């Protein structure tokens, strides 16, 4: 048996986190159960798509008006 590296899961996913794996269509970008759930249950803990859709913290999404964004952009662009 090969020695498992600290920075990777059993099948080689980074423990630093990753956006999505090659099976993103099957899990619908994390909305459905993880493809690797039975193979390597640790994978879904580091998948950002899965975390975003299965978060138990109930994070609130803040809506920002387009006008506020435009004003902030123009303030930052000015160099004079």
C-alpha atoms as a PDB file:
ATOM      1  CA  UNK A   1       0.000   0.000   0.000  1.00  0.00           C
ATOM      2  CA  UNK A   2       1.271   3.460  -0.927  1.00  0.00           C
ATOM      3  CA  UNK A   3       1.814   6.012   1.781  1.00  0.00           C
ATOM      4  CA  UNK A   4      -0.832   8.746   1.715  1.00  0.00           C
ATOM      5  CA  UNK A   5       0.444  12.310   1.368  1.00  0.00           C
ATOM      6  CA  UNK A   6      -0.819  14.872   3.874  1.00  0.00           C
ATOM      7  CA  UNK A   7      -1.931  17.407   1.251  1.00  0.00           C
ATOM      8  CA  UNK A   8      -4.084  14.986  -0.746  1.00  0.00           C
ATOM      9  CA  UNK A   9      -7.116  12.739  -0.254  1.00  0.00           C
ATOM     10  CA  UNK A  10      -7.046   8.966  -0.793  1.00  0.00           C
ATOM     11  CA  UNK A  11      -7.529   9.254  -4.573  1.00  0.00           C
ATOM     12  CA  UNK A  12      -5.389  12.362  -5.053  1.00  0.00           C
ATOM     13  CA  UNK A  13      -7.554  15.475  -4.633  1.00  0.00           C
ATOM     14  CA  UNK A  14      -5.926  18.475  -3.001  1.00  0.00           C
ATOM     15  CA  UNK A  15      -6.843  19.141   0.617  1.00  0.00           C
ATOM     16  CA  UNK A  16      -6.262  22.831  -0.056  1.00  0.00           C
ATOM     17  CA  UNK A  17      -9.565  22.781  -1.944  1.00  0.00           C
ATOM     18  CA  UNK A  18     -10.603  22.844  -5.580  1.00  0.00           C
ATOM     19  CA  UNK A  19     -13.408  24.417  -7.610  1.00  0.00           C
ATOM     20  CA  UNK A  20     -14.824  21.302  -9.287  1.00  0.00           C
ATOM     21  CA  UNK A  21     -13.733  17.868 -10.461  1.00  0.00           C
ATOM     22  CA  UNK A  22     -14.169  16.273 -13.883  1.00  0.00           C
ATOM     23  CA  UNK A  23     -17.583  14.873 -12.854  1.00  0.00           C
ATOM     24  CA  UNK A  24     -19.135  18.324 -12.389  1.00  0.00           C
ATOM     25  CA  UNK A  25     -21.973  17.523 -14.837  1.00  0.00           C
ATOM     26  CA  UNK A  26     -23.072  14.464 -12.859  1.00  0.00           C
ATOM     27  CA  UNK A  27     -23.323  16.367  -9.575  1.00  0.00           C
ATOM     28  CA  UNK A  28     -24.636  19.529 -11.324  1.00  0.00           C
ATOM     29  CA  UNK A  29     -21.860  21.701  -9.873  1.00  0.00           C
ATOM     30  CA  UNK A  30     -22.410  20.410  -6.344  1.00  0.00           C
ATOM     31  CA  UNK A  31     -26.220  20.553  -6.244  1.00  0.00           C
ATOM     32  CA  UNK A  32     -26.592  16.749  -6.283  1.00  0.00           C
ATOM     33  CA  UNK A  33     -24.693  14.163  -4.230  1.00  0.00           C
ATOM     34  CA  UNK A  34     -20.962  13.976  -4.888  1.00  0.00           C
ATOM     35  CA  UNK A  35     -19.777  11.437  -7.501  1.00  0.00           C
ATOM     36  CA  UNK A  36     -16.893  10.397  -5.236  1.00  0.00           C
ATOM     37  CA  UNK A  37     -19.058  10.057  -2.113  1.00  0.00           C
ATOM     38  CA  UNK A  38     -18.681   6.247  -1.955  1.00  0.00           C
ATOM     39  CA  UNK A  39     -15.146   6.089  -3.374  1.00  0.00           C
ATOM     40  CA  UNK A  40     -13.484   8.803  -1.252  1.00  0.00           C
ATOM     41  CA  UNK A  41     -15.938  10.532   1.134  1.00  0.00           C
ATOM     42  CA  UNK A  42     -13.326  13.161   1.978  1.00  0.00           C
ATOM     43  CA  UNK A  43     -13.468  14.696  -1.536  1.00  0.00           C
ATOM     44  CA  UNK A  44     -16.770  16.527  -0.999  1.00  0.00           C
ATOM     45  CA  UNK A  45     -15.309  18.321   2.034  1.00  0.00           C
ATOM     46  CA  UNK A  46     -12.765  20.086  -0.208  1.00  0.00           C
ATOM     47  CA  UNK A  47     -14.968  20.720  -3.280  1.00  0.00           C
ATOM     48  CA  UNK A  48     -16.011  24.387  -3.324  1.00  0.00           C
ATOM     49  CA  UNK A  49     -19.086  23.663  -5.504  1.00  0.00           C
ATOM     50  CA  UNK A  50     -20.349  21.024  -3.077  1.00  0.00           C
ATOM     51  CA  UNK A  51     -19.663  23.222  -0.048  1.00  0.00           C
ATOM     52  CA  UNK A  52     -21.496  26.174  -1.588  1.00  0.00           C
ATOM     53  CA  UNK A  53     -24.650  24.120  -2.243  1.00  0.00           C
ATOM     54  CA  UNK A  54     -24.626  21.966   0.897  1.00  0.00           C
ATOM     55  CA  UNK A  55     -23.577  24.515   3.475  1.00  0.00           C
ATOM     56  CA  UNK A  56     -25.224  23.963   6.842  1.00  0.00           C
ATOM     57  CA  UNK A  57     -24.334  27.442   8.072  1.00  0.00           C
ATOM     58  CA  UNK A  58     -27.110  29.123   6.075  1.00  0.00           C
ATOM     59  CA  UNK A  59     -24.965  31.949   4.808  1.00  0.00           C
ATOM     60  CA  UNK A  60     -26.879  34.966   3.535  1.00  0.00           C
ATOM     61  CA  UNK A  61     -26.385  36.254   0.021  1.00  0.00           C
ATOM     62  CA  UNK A  62     -26.031  40.021  -0.072  1.00  0.00           C
ATOM     63  CA  UNK A  63     -27.464  41.784  -3.097  1.00  0.00           C
ATOM     64  CA  UNK A  64     -25.614  44.852  -4.315  1.00  0.00           C
ATOM     65  CA  UNK A  65     -27.185  47.380  -6.639  1.00  0.00           C
ATOM     66  CA  UNK A  66     -25.484  48.028  -9.979  1.00  0.00           C
ATOM     67  CA  UNK A  67     -25.234  51.746  -9.185  1.00  0.00           C
ATOM     68  CA  UNK A  68     -23.143  51.056  -6.091  1.00  0.00           C
ATOM     69  CA  UNK A  69     -20.766  48.864  -8.055  1.00  0.00           C
ATOM     70  CA  UNK A  70     -20.414  51.426 -10.849  1.00  0.00           C
ATOM     71  CA  UNK A  71     -19.615  54.209  -8.373  1.00  0.00           C
ATOM     72  CA  UNK A  72     -16.948  52.128  -6.666  1.00  0.00           C
ATOM     73  CA  UNK A  73     -15.345  51.214  -9.992  1.00  0.00           C
ATOM     74  CA  UNK A  74     -15.157  54.817 -11.165  1.00  0.00           C
ATOM     75  CA  UNK A  75     -13.670  55.952  -7.854  1.00  0.00           C
ATOM     76  CA  UNK A  76     -10.878  53.398  -8.176  1.00  0.00           C
ATOM     77  CA  UNK A  77     -10.082  54.103 -11.829  1.00  0.00           C
ATOM     78  CA  UNK A  78      -9.200  57.764 -11.314  1.00  0.00           C
ATOM     79  CA  UNK A  79      -5.443  58.247 -11.030  1.00  0.00           C
ATOM     80  CA  UNK A  80      -5.455  62.050 -10.668  1.00  0.00           C
END
